[in-house]
Amino acid sequence: MSWKRGIRWCGVVFAFACLASCQVKRPGDVLSDEQMEAVLYDYHVAKALSEQLSYTENYKRVLYVESVFRKHGITEAQFDTSLVWFSRHPEAFGTVYEKVNARLKAAKDQVEDLIALRDNKPKESQPGDSIDVWAWEPVYRLTGMPYDNRVWFELPSDPNFMERDTLRWNVRFHFIGGDTAAVRDSLYAPVMGMQVHYAKDTLLYDIRPIFRSGWESLSVSADTLGQIEKVSGFIYYPRQASRRILLADSVSLMRYHARTDTTQVGVDTAAVADKRPVASRTLQSPAATRLKANP
């Protein structure tokens, strides 16, 4: 039995020796995967920043890259040697670059969030059809008093907006307290409006008063007006004779791409039936491109 056990152990040792011989041998002057990931991330950031320099500051591009080497305590020769080794081992290089790309994307998203926060503008919308591009709060409470009597938004277009897109603004209204019968009076009724600005100073708009609690939707679309430049809209709540409060919730702004295949099912037929005709006009000046609701 002892000789059988010896043979078994010899087989185990031989198997481990084979596995060790099959492993990729890395020279001592080549960076590890973790080091290469960190260096490549900073390297790409430095290259991107250096490309923003003016012509008179081109000499600083080399300094940007050298600062990366100093940060990680390596030389340019060691970086080049590591690049050559990784290029000969694509599986290891692919794994490293997947992590680098993930870090770069996360940093890009963070920068976009900060820019949107600074400029008080939404980020780029998601691509695709039937996308909710509403970028603000989903719930608003209006009292009709100054500084608390309106909701207003302006959404610039981005590369994900297409010609012939349909924009549909959906809001659910609730009248809380006060004399609900007074809602029928247009003097106290809220007003909801949306307008889509197209190229060549042309816009389409839809506007309506709100007389009851429930869902309301505004839809705007055009076939021949070209590219959308921006979408804007408002909810205006006049000062009330009673203490009635208006609650607007579940706010969404849906963007639908035009259907090119006639066999595809269109947008919600009930929604289409609820559409109201919209008016179009050509603006005389840029100052006239925004509707304003004054208290």
C-alpha atoms as a PDB file:
ATOM      1  CA  MET A   1       0.000   0.000   0.000  1.00  0.00           C
ATOM      2  CA  SER A   2       2.845   2.366   0.761  1.00  0.00           C
ATOM      3  CA  TRP A   3       4.221   2.107  -2.763  1.00  0.00           C
ATOM      4  CA  LYS A   4       0.767   2.915  -4.198  1.00  0.00           C
ATOM      5  CA  ARG A   5       0.544   5.978  -1.963  1.00  0.00           C
ATOM      6  CA  GLY A   6       3.985   7.029  -3.129  1.00  0.00           C
ATOM      7  CA  ILE A   7       2.940   6.756  -6.744  1.00  0.00           C
ATOM      8  CA  ARG A   8      -0.171   8.819  -6.002  1.00  0.00           C
ATOM      9  CA  TRP A   9       1.847  11.598  -4.410  1.00  0.00           C
ATOM     10  CA  CYS A  10       4.287  11.558  -7.279  1.00  0.00           C
ATOM     11  CA  GLY A  11       1.351  12.049  -9.633  1.00  0.00           C
ATOM     12  CA  VAL A  12       0.072  15.008  -7.611  1.00  0.00           C
ATOM     13  CA  VAL A  13       3.523  16.613  -7.589  1.00  0.00           C
ATOM     14  CA  PHE A  14       3.842  16.069 -11.334  1.00  0.00           C
ATOM     15  CA  ALA A  15       0.432  17.693 -11.937  1.00  0.00           C
ATOM     16  CA  PHE A  16       1.383  20.763  -9.917  1.00  0.00           C
ATOM     17  CA  ALA A  17       4.660  20.977 -11.814  1.00  0.00           C
ATOM     18  CA  CYS A  18       2.768  20.914 -15.105  1.00  0.00           C
ATOM     19  CA  LEU A  19       0.409  23.655 -13.964  1.00  0.00           C
ATOM     20  CA  ALA A  20       3.314  25.799 -12.820  1.00  0.00           C
ATOM     21  CA  SER A  21       5.059  25.355 -16.149  1.00  0.00           C
ATOM     22  CA  CYS A  22       1.870  26.365 -17.990  1.00  0.00           C
ATOM     23  CA  GLN A  23       1.466  29.613 -16.058  1.00  0.00           C
ATOM     24  CA  VAL A  24       2.559  32.810 -17.778  1.00  0.00           C
ATOM     25  CA  LYS A  25       5.967  33.889 -16.550  1.00  0.00           C
ATOM     26  CA  ARG A  26       6.222  37.618 -16.015  1.00  0.00           C
ATOM     27  CA  PRO A  27       9.627  39.335 -15.968  1.00  0.00           C
ATOM     28  CA  GLY A  28      10.489  41.265 -12.838  1.00  0.00           C
ATOM     29  CA  ASP A  29      10.497  44.640 -14.612  1.00  0.00           C
ATOM     30  CA  VAL A  30       6.909  44.217 -15.881  1.00  0.00           C
ATOM     31  CA  LEU A  31       4.126  45.844 -13.866  1.00  0.00           C
ATOM     32  CA  SER A  32       1.513  43.712 -12.145  1.00  0.00           C
ATOM     33  CA  ASP A  33      -2.094  43.769 -13.337  1.00  0.00           C
ATOM     34  CA  GLU A  34      -3.107  46.101 -10.497  1.00  0.00           C
ATOM     35  CA  GLN A  35      -0.191  48.471 -11.157  1.00  0.00           C
ATOM     36  CA  MET A  36      -0.848  48.488 -14.896  1.00  0.00           C
ATOM     37  CA  GLU A  37      -4.519  49.270 -14.328  1.00  0.00           C
ATOM     38  CA  ALA A  38      -3.706  52.251 -12.093  1.00  0.00           C
ATOM     39  CA  VAL A  39      -1.033  53.584 -14.464  1.00  0.00           C
ATOM     40  CA  LEU A  40      -3.193  53.216 -17.585  1.00  0.00           C
ATOM     41  CA  TYR A  41      -6.116  54.992 -15.908  1.00  0.00           C
ATOM     42  CA  ASP A  42      -3.992  58.014 -14.978  1.00  0.00           C
ATOM     43  CA  TYR A  43      -2.226  57.858 -18.351  1.00  0.00           C
ATOM     44  CA  HIS A  44      -5.479  58.158 -20.305  1.00  0.00           C
ATOM     45  CA  VAL A  45      -6.709  60.980 -18.066  1.00  0.00           C
ATOM     46  CA  ALA A  46      -3.420  62.841 -18.568  1.00  0.00           C
ATOM     47  CA  LYS A  47      -3.562  62.370 -22.348  1.00  0.00           C
ATOM     48  CA  ALA A  48      -7.148  63.630 -22.476  1.00  0.00           C
ATOM     49  CA  LEU A  49      -6.256  66.712 -20.426  1.00  0.00           C
ATOM     50  CA  SER A  50      -3.178  67.430 -22.525  1.00  0.00           C
ATOM     51  CA  GLU A  51      -5.254  67.420 -25.709  1.00  0.00           C
ATOM     52  CA  GLN A  52      -7.201  70.391 -24.360  1.00  0.00           C
ATOM     53  CA  LEU A  53      -4.075  72.553 -24.204  1.00  0.00           C
ATOM     54  CA  SER A  54      -3.671  75.420 -26.628  1.00  0.00           C
ATOM     55  CA  TYR A  55      -1.038  75.421 -29.360  1.00  0.00           C
ATOM     56  CA  THR A  56       1.272  77.643 -27.334  1.00  0.00           C
ATOM     57  CA  GLU A  57       1.177  75.152 -24.447  1.00  0.00           C
ATOM     58  CA  ASN A  58       1.989  72.005 -26.421  1.00  0.00           C
ATOM     59  CA  TYR A  59       5.241  71.608 -24.488  1.00  0.00           C
ATOM     60  CA  LYS A  60       3.193  70.755 -21.390  1.00  0.00           C
ATOM     61  CA  ARG A  61       1.857  67.541 -22.917  1.00  0.00           C
ATOM     62  CA  VAL A  62       5.047  65.694 -22.083  1.00  0.00           C
ATOM     63  CA  LEU A  63       4.888  67.016 -18.531  1.00  0.00           C
ATOM     64  CA  TYR A  64       1.384  65.597 -18.089  1.00  0.00           C
ATOM     65  CA  VAL A  65       2.575  62.097 -19.000  1.00  0.00           C
ATOM     66  CA  GLU A  66       5.754  62.367 -16.953  1.00  0.00           C
ATOM     67  CA  SER A  67       3.687  63.316 -13.902  1.00  0.00           C
ATOM     68  CA  VAL A  68       1.898  59.957 -14.194  1.00  0.00           C
ATOM     69  CA  PHE A  69       5.219  58.083 -14.131  1.00  0.00           C
ATOM     70  CA  ARG A  70       6.408  60.067 -11.120  1.00  0.00           C
ATOM     71  CA  LYS A  71       3.129  59.439  -9.285  1.00  0.00           C
ATOM     72  CA  HIS A  72       3.509  55.664  -9.632  1.00  0.00           C
ATOM     73  CA  GLY A  73       7.281  55.569  -9.171  1.00  0.00           C
ATOM     74  CA  ILE A  74       8.114  54.073 -12.560  1.00  0.00           C
ATOM     75  CA  THR A  75      10.092  55.114 -15.611  1.00  0.00           C
ATOM     76  CA  GLU A  76       8.920  55.519 -19.181  1.00  0.00           C
ATOM     77  CA  ALA A  77      11.111  52.565 -20.161  1.00  0.00           C
ATOM     78  CA  GLN A  78       9.408  50.350 -17.586  1.00  0.00           C
ATOM     79  CA  PHE A  79       5.996  51.466 -18.852  1.00  0.00           C
ATOM     80  CA  ASP A  80       6.968  50.704 -22.463  1.00  0.00           C
ATOM     81  CA  THR A  81       8.352  47.294 -21.476  1.00  0.00           C
ATOM     82  CA  SER A  82       5.123  46.484 -19.663  1.00  0.00           C
ATOM     83  CA  LEU A  83       3.063  47.557 -22.686  1.00  0.00           C
ATOM     84  CA  VAL A  84       5.080  45.239 -24.929  1.00  0.00           C
ATOM     85  CA  TRP A  85       4.624  42.306 -22.543  1.00  0.00           C
ATOM     86  CA  PHE A  86       0.875  42.890 -22.135  1.00  0.00           C
ATOM     87  CA  SER A  87       0.409  43.258 -25.901  1.00  0.00           C
ATOM     88  CA  ARG A  88       1.868  39.750 -26.252  1.00  0.00           C
ATOM     89  CA  HIS A  89      -0.595  38.433 -23.672  1.00  0.00           C
ATOM     90  CA  PRO A  90      -3.980  39.721 -24.899  1.00  0.00           C
ATOM     91  CA  GLU A  91      -6.052  37.902 -22.277  1.00  0.00           C
ATOM     92  CA  ALA A  92      -4.270  39.652 -19.417  1.00  0.00           C
ATOM     93  CA  PHE A  93      -4.324  42.957 -21.316  1.00  0.00           C
ATOM     94  CA  GLY A  94      -8.055  42.616 -22.016  1.00  0.00           C
ATOM     95  CA  THR A  95      -8.828  42.007 -18.343  1.00  0.00           C
ATOM     96  CA  VAL A  96      -6.822  45.068 -17.320  1.00  0.00           C
ATOM     97  CA  TYR A  97      -8.462  47.306 -19.919  1.00  0.00           C
ATOM     98  CA  GLU A  98     -11.959  46.212 -18.934  1.00  0.00           C
ATOM     99  CA  LYS A  99     -11.266  47.549 -15.453  1.00  0.00           C
ATOM    100  CA  VAL A 100      -9.686  50.729 -16.837  1.00  0.00           C
ATOM    101  CA  ASN A 101     -12.711  51.401 -19.064  1.00  0.00           C
ATOM    102  CA  ALA A 102     -15.075  50.837 -16.142  1.00  0.00           C
ATOM    103  CA  ARG A 103     -13.159  53.378 -14.036  1.00  0.00           C
ATOM    104  CA  LEU A 104     -13.085  55.912 -16.874  1.00  0.00           C
ATOM    105  CA  LYS A 105     -16.830  55.543 -17.438  1.00  0.00           C
ATOM    106  CA  ALA A 106     -17.543  55.998 -13.724  1.00  0.00           C
ATOM    107  CA  ALA A 107     -15.372  59.129 -13.675  1.00  0.00           C
ATOM    108  CA  LYS A 108     -17.136  60.465 -16.791  1.00  0.00           C
ATOM    109  CA  ASP A 109     -20.558  59.940 -15.197  1.00  0.00           C
ATOM    110  CA  GLN A 110     -19.405  61.723 -12.052  1.00  0.00           C
ATOM    111  CA  VAL A 111     -18.128  64.704 -14.047  1.00  0.00           C
ATOM    112  CA  GLU A 112     -21.407  64.888 -15.995  1.00  0.00           C
ATOM    113  CA  ASP A 113     -23.332  64.888 -12.717  1.00  0.00           C
ATOM    114  CA  LEU A 114     -21.234  67.783 -11.411  1.00  0.00           C
ATOM    115  CA  ILE A 115     -21.640  69.765 -14.647  1.00  0.00           C
ATOM    116  CA  ALA A 116     -25.402  69.225 -14.650  1.00  0.00           C
ATOM    117  CA  LEU A 117     -25.546  70.328 -11.011  1.00  0.00           C
ATOM    118  CA  ARG A 118     -23.453  73.422 -11.711  1.00  0.00           C
ATOM    119  CA  ASP A 119     -25.413  74.498 -14.808  1.00  0.00           C
ATOM    120  CA  ASN A 120     -28.798  73.360 -13.437  1.00  0.00           C
ATOM    121  CA  LYS A 121     -29.338  71.329 -16.604  1.00  0.00           C
ATOM    122  CA  PRO A 122     -30.160  67.650 -17.033  1.00  0.00           C
ATOM    123  CA  LYS A 123     -27.657  65.103 -18.264  1.00  0.00           C
ATOM    124  CA  GLU A 124     -27.847  63.620 -21.733  1.00  0.00           C
ATOM    125  CA  SER A 125     -30.954  61.494 -22.106  1.00  0.00           C
ATOM    126  CA  GLN A 126     -30.874  57.746 -22.594  1.00  0.00           C
ATOM    127  CA  PRO A 127     -30.923  56.458 -26.189  1.00  0.00           C
ATOM    128  CA  GLY A 128     -33.835  54.489 -27.572  1.00  0.00           C
ATOM    129  CA  ASP A 129     -37.586  54.681 -28.085  1.00  0.00           C
ATOM    130  CA  SER A 130     -40.238  55.258 -25.391  1.00  0.00           C
ATOM    131  CA  ILE A 131     -37.784  56.923 -23.008  1.00  0.00           C
ATOM    132  CA  ASP A 132     -38.761  59.101 -20.047  1.00  0.00           C
ATOM    133  CA  VAL A 133     -36.538  62.194 -20.393  1.00  0.00           C
ATOM    134  CA  TRP A 134     -37.971  64.017 -17.353  1.00  0.00           C
ATOM    135  CA  ALA A 135     -34.931  65.048 -15.285  1.00  0.00           C
ATOM    136  CA  TRP A 136     -36.488  66.853 -12.330  1.00  0.00           C
ATOM    137  CA  GLU A 137     -38.633  66.145  -9.295  1.00  0.00           C
ATOM    138  CA  PRO A 138     -41.629  63.813  -9.804  1.00  0.00           C
ATOM    139  CA  VAL A 139     -43.866  65.638  -7.273  1.00  0.00           C
ATOM    140  CA  TYR A 140     -44.724  69.342  -6.840  1.00  0.00           C
ATOM    141  CA  ARG A 141     -46.958  71.150  -4.339  1.00  0.00           C
ATOM    142  CA  LEU A 142     -48.348  74.541  -5.372  1.00  0.00           C
ATOM    143  CA  THR A 143     -50.321  76.967  -3.214  1.00  0.00           C
ATOM    144  CA  GLY A 144     -50.959  79.774  -5.691  1.00  0.00           C
ATOM    145  CA  MET A 145     -48.912  82.240  -3.650  1.00  0.00           C
ATOM    146  CA  PRO A 146     -45.992  84.139  -5.217  1.00  0.00           C
ATOM    147  CA  TYR A 147     -42.855  81.990  -5.591  1.00  0.00           C
ATOM    148  CA  ASP A 148     -45.048  78.928  -5.035  1.00  0.00           C
ATOM    149  CA  ASN A 149     -47.381  79.102  -8.006  1.00  0.00           C
ATOM    150  CA  ARG A 150     -45.574  77.502 -10.929  1.00  0.00           C
ATOM    151  CA  VAL A 151     -43.480  74.669 -12.273  1.00  0.00           C
ATOM    152  CA  TRP A 152     -41.269  75.485 -15.238  1.00  0.00           C
ATOM    153  CA  PHE A 153     -38.745  73.413 -17.166  1.00  0.00           C
ATOM    154  CA  GLU A 154     -36.533  73.662 -20.213  1.00  0.00           C
ATOM    155  CA  LEU A 155     -34.896  70.575 -21.678  1.00  0.00           C
ATOM    156  CA  PRO A 156     -32.295  71.060 -24.431  1.00  0.00           C
ATOM    157  CA  SER A 157     -32.134  68.367 -27.076  1.00  0.00           C
ATOM    158  CA  ASP A 158     -29.170  66.030 -27.366  1.00  0.00           C
ATOM    159  CA  PRO A 159     -27.930  63.486 -29.937  1.00  0.00           C
ATOM    160  CA  ASN A 160     -30.572  60.989 -28.791  1.00  0.00           C
ATOM    161  CA  PHE A 161     -33.420  63.235 -30.029  1.00  0.00           C
ATOM    162  CA  MET A 162     -34.509  62.425 -33.582  1.00  0.00           C
ATOM    163  CA  GLU A 163     -36.518  64.228 -36.224  1.00  0.00           C
ATOM    164  CA  ARG A 164     -40.274  63.515 -36.032  1.00  0.00           C
ATOM    165  CA  ASP A 165     -40.061  62.592 -32.349  1.00  0.00           C
ATOM    166  CA  THR A 166     -43.253  62.813 -30.302  1.00  0.00           C
ATOM    167  CA  LEU A 167     -43.013  64.422 -26.853  1.00  0.00           C
ATOM    168  CA  ARG A 168     -45.731  63.586 -24.332  1.00  0.00           C
ATOM    169  CA  TRP A 169     -45.839  65.296 -20.930  1.00  0.00           C
ATOM    170  CA  ASN A 170     -47.880  63.389 -18.327  1.00  0.00           C
ATOM    171  CA  VAL A 171     -48.934  64.807 -14.947  1.00  0.00           C
ATOM    172  CA  ARG A 172     -51.423  63.605 -12.343  1.00  0.00           C
ATOM    173  CA  PHE A 173     -53.203  66.457 -10.523  1.00  0.00           C
ATOM    174  CA  HIS A 174     -54.863  66.460  -7.095  1.00  0.00           C
ATOM    175  CA  PHE A 175     -56.883  69.360  -5.666  1.00  0.00           C
ATOM    176  CA  ILE A 176     -56.595  69.305  -1.879  1.00  0.00           C
ATOM    177  CA  GLY A 177     -58.840  71.303   0.471  1.00  0.00           C
ATOM    178  CA  GLY A 178     -60.902  74.397  -0.242  1.00  0.00           C
ATOM    179  CA  ASP A 179     -64.044  74.582  -2.353  1.00  0.00           C
ATOM    180  CA  THR A 180     -63.655  71.977  -5.075  1.00  0.00           C
ATOM    181  CA  ALA A 181     -66.566  73.485  -7.001  1.00  0.00           C
ATOM    182  CA  ALA A 182     -64.482  76.610  -7.610  1.00  0.00           C
ATOM    183  CA  VAL A 183     -62.127  74.576  -9.782  1.00  0.00           C
ATOM    184  CA  ARG A 184     -64.690  74.919 -12.575  1.00  0.00           C
ATOM    185  CA  ASP A 185     -64.018  78.656 -12.645  1.00  0.00           C
ATOM    186  CA  SER A 186     -61.358  79.346 -15.277  1.00  0.00           C
ATOM    187  CA  LEU A 187     -60.171  82.283 -13.178  1.00  0.00           C
ATOM    188  CA  TYR A 188     -58.795  79.852 -10.594  1.00  0.00           C
ATOM    189  CA  ALA A 189     -58.032  76.870 -12.821  1.00  0.00           C
ATOM    190  CA  PRO A 190     -54.404  75.797 -13.231  1.00  0.00           C
ATOM    191  CA  VAL A 191     -52.898  76.013 -16.698  1.00  0.00           C
ATOM    192  CA  MET A 192     -50.569  73.440 -18.217  1.00  0.00           C
ATOM    193  CA  GLY A 193     -48.540  74.180 -21.345  1.00  0.00           C
ATOM    194  CA  MET A 194     -45.746  72.619 -23.377  1.00  0.00           C
ATOM    195  CA  GLN A 195     -43.852  73.790 -26.429  1.00  0.00           C
ATOM    196  CA  VAL A 196     -41.268  72.153 -28.664  1.00  0.00           C
ATOM    197  CA  HIS A 197     -38.758  74.403 -30.411  1.00  0.00           C
ATOM    198  CA  TYR A 198     -37.507  73.300 -33.820  1.00  0.00           C
ATOM    199  CA  ALA A 199     -34.836  74.566 -36.161  1.00  0.00           C
ATOM    200  CA  LYS A 200     -35.466  77.815 -38.062  1.00  0.00           C
ATOM    201  CA  ASP A 201     -37.235  79.446 -35.070  1.00  0.00           C
ATOM    202  CA  THR A 202     -40.389  77.348 -35.376  1.00  0.00           C
ATOM    203  CA  LEU A 203     -42.342  75.854 -32.501  1.00  0.00           C
ATOM    204  CA  LEU A 204     -45.374  73.729 -31.780  1.00  0.00           C
ATOM    205  CA  TYR A 205     -47.261  74.144 -28.546  1.00  0.00           C
ATOM    206  CA  ASP A 206     -50.181  72.710 -26.617  1.00  0.00           C
ATOM    207  CA  ILE A 207     -51.842  74.423 -23.678  1.00  0.00           C
ATOM    208  CA  ARG A 208     -54.959  73.698 -21.609  1.00  0.00           C
ATOM    209  CA  PRO A 209     -56.646  74.595 -18.301  1.00  0.00           C
ATOM    210  CA  ILE A 210     -57.069  71.914 -15.638  1.00  0.00           C
ATOM    211  CA  PHE A 211     -60.573  71.644 -14.131  1.00  0.00           C
ATOM    212  CA  ARG A 212     -60.466  68.299 -12.338  1.00  0.00           C
ATOM    213  CA  SER A 213     -58.209  65.933 -10.454  1.00  0.00           C
ATOM    214  CA  GLY A 214     -56.699  63.126 -12.482  1.00  0.00           C
ATOM    215  CA  TRP A 215     -54.287  62.513 -15.310  1.00  0.00           C
ATOM    216  CA  GLU A 216     -53.546  65.152 -17.934  1.00  0.00           C
ATOM    217  CA  SER A 217     -51.237  64.816 -20.925  1.00  0.00           C
ATOM    218  CA  LEU A 218     -49.894  67.160 -23.576  1.00  0.00           C
ATOM    219  CA  SER A 219     -48.481  65.746 -26.822  1.00  0.00           C
ATOM    220  CA  VAL A 220     -46.531  67.520 -29.536  1.00  0.00           C
ATOM    221  CA  SER A 221     -45.092  66.029 -32.727  1.00  0.00           C
ATOM    222  CA  ALA A 222     -44.223  67.189 -36.234  1.00  0.00           C
ATOM    223  CA  ASP A 223     -43.271  65.481 -39.501  1.00  0.00           C
ATOM    224  CA  THR A 224     -41.583  68.253 -41.467  1.00  0.00           C
ATOM    225  CA  LEU A 225     -40.086  70.763 -39.026  1.00  0.00           C
ATOM    226  CA  GLY A 226     -36.668  69.127 -38.719  1.00  0.00           C
ATOM    227  CA  GLN A 227     -34.497  68.691 -35.665  1.00  0.00           C
ATOM    228  CA  ILE A 228     -35.768  69.509 -32.177  1.00  0.00           C
ATOM    229  CA  GLU A 229     -33.737  72.174 -30.384  1.00  0.00           C
ATOM    230  CA  LYS A 230     -35.394  72.146 -26.963  1.00  0.00           C
ATOM    231  CA  VAL A 231     -38.577  71.331 -25.069  1.00  0.00           C
ATOM    232  CA  SER A 232     -40.082  73.620 -22.445  1.00  0.00           C
ATOM    233  CA  GLY A 233     -43.238  73.684 -20.401  1.00  0.00           C
ATOM    234  CA  PHE A 234     -44.982  75.064 -17.347  1.00  0.00           C
ATOM    235  CA  ILE A 235     -47.767  74.559 -14.829  1.00  0.00           C
ATOM    236  CA  TYR A 236     -49.229  77.809 -13.501  1.00  0.00           C
ATOM    237  CA  TYR A 237     -51.534  77.851 -10.481  1.00  0.00           C
ATOM    238  CA  PRO A 238     -53.342  81.199  -9.957  1.00  0.00           C
ATOM    239  CA  ARG A 239     -53.864  82.661  -6.524  1.00  0.00           C
ATOM    240  CA  GLN A 240     -56.916  80.984  -4.968  1.00  0.00           C
ATOM    241  CA  ALA A 241     -59.895  82.478  -3.173  1.00  0.00           C
ATOM    242  CA  SER A 242     -59.786  79.484  -0.815  1.00  0.00           C
ATOM    243  CA  ARG A 243     -56.870  77.567   0.626  1.00  0.00           C
ATOM    244  CA  ARG A 244     -56.973  74.922  -2.023  1.00  0.00           C
ATOM    245  CA  ILE A 245     -53.605  73.285  -2.758  1.00  0.00           C
ATOM    246  CA  LEU A 246     -52.583  71.734  -6.057  1.00  0.00           C
ATOM    247  CA  LEU A 247     -50.480  68.585  -5.965  1.00  0.00           C
ATOM    248  CA  ALA A 248     -48.826  67.468  -9.210  1.00  0.00           C
ATOM    249  CA  ASP A 249     -47.190  64.057  -9.074  1.00  0.00           C
ATOM    250  CA  SER A 250     -46.021  61.143 -11.239  1.00  0.00           C
ATOM    251  CA  VAL A 251     -44.551  63.642 -13.701  1.00  0.00           C
ATOM    252  CA  SER A 252     -43.003  62.134 -16.828  1.00  0.00           C
ATOM    253  CA  LEU A 253     -41.916  63.413 -20.229  1.00  0.00           C
ATOM    254  CA  MET A 254     -41.958  60.562 -22.726  1.00  0.00           C
ATOM    255  CA  ARG A 255     -40.048  60.691 -25.988  1.00  0.00           C
ATOM    256  CA  TYR A 256     -41.237  58.417 -28.796  1.00  0.00           C
ATOM    257  CA  HIS A 257     -39.287  57.954 -32.023  1.00  0.00           C
ATOM    258  CA  ALA A 258     -41.270  57.947 -35.260  1.00  0.00           C
ATOM    259  CA  ARG A 259     -42.207  54.494 -36.524  1.00  0.00           C
ATOM    260  CA  THR A 260     -40.710  53.599 -39.888  1.00  0.00           C
ATOM    261  CA  ASP A 261     -42.208  50.094 -40.063  1.00  0.00           C
ATOM    262  CA  THR A 262     -45.965  50.173 -40.675  1.00  0.00           C
ATOM    263  CA  THR A 263     -46.322  46.679 -39.197  1.00  0.00           C
ATOM    264  CA  GLN A 264     -45.192  47.878 -35.786  1.00  0.00           C
ATOM    265  CA  VAL A 265     -47.768  48.698 -33.180  1.00  0.00           C
ATOM    266  CA  GLY A 266     -48.122  52.420 -32.602  1.00  0.00           C
ATOM    267  CA  VAL A 267     -48.176  54.301 -29.339  1.00  0.00           C
ATOM    268  CA  ASP A 268     -51.062  53.706 -26.904  1.00  0.00           C
ATOM    269  CA  THR A 269     -54.250  54.183 -28.960  1.00  0.00           C
ATOM    270  CA  ALA A 270     -56.044  55.726 -26.010  1.00  0.00           C
ATOM    271  CA  ALA A 271     -53.247  58.234 -25.725  1.00  0.00           C
ATOM    272  CA  VAL A 272     -53.449  59.039 -29.423  1.00  0.00           C
ATOM    273  CA  ALA A 273     -57.213  59.515 -29.200  1.00  0.00           C
ATOM    274  CA  ASP A 274     -56.711  61.940 -26.336  1.00  0.00           C
ATOM    275  CA  LYS A 275     -54.394  64.156 -28.361  1.00  0.00           C
ATOM    276  CA  ARG A 276     -55.577  67.648 -29.061  1.00  0.00           C
ATOM    277  CA  PRO A 277     -54.594  69.672 -32.115  1.00  0.00           C
ATOM    278  CA  VAL A 278     -51.617  71.906 -31.642  1.00  0.00           C
ATOM    279  CA  ALA A 279     -50.775  75.189 -33.256  1.00  0.00           C
ATOM    280  CA  SER A 280     -47.545  76.200 -34.950  1.00  0.00           C
ATOM    281  CA  ARG A 281     -46.054  79.529 -35.748  1.00  0.00           C
ATOM    282  CA  THR A 282     -42.734  81.054 -36.779  1.00  0.00           C
ATOM    283  CA  LEU A 283     -41.043  83.187 -34.169  1.00  0.00           C
ATOM    284  CA  GLN A 284     -40.058  86.729 -34.953  1.00  0.00           C
ATOM    285  CA  SER A 285     -37.228  86.951 -32.457  1.00  0.00           C
ATOM    286  CA  PRO A 286     -35.389  84.660 -30.027  1.00  0.00           C
ATOM    287  CA  ALA A 287     -36.973  86.552 -27.157  1.00  0.00           C
ATOM    288  CA  ALA A 288     -40.375  85.255 -28.187  1.00  0.00           C
ATOM    289  CA  THR A 289     -39.417  81.585 -27.869  1.00  0.00           C
ATOM    290  CA  ARG A 290     -40.494  81.214 -24.234  1.00  0.00           C
ATOM    291  CA  LEU A 291     -43.984  81.355 -22.776  1.00  0.00           C
ATOM    292  CA  LYS A 292     -44.120  82.987 -19.389  1.00  0.00           C
ATOM    293  CA  ALA A 293     -46.888  82.659 -16.792  1.00  0.00           C
ATOM    294  CA  ASN A 294     -47.037  85.628 -14.515  1.00  0.00           C
ATOM    295  CA  PRO A 295     -48.776  85.492 -11.113  1.00  0.00           C
END
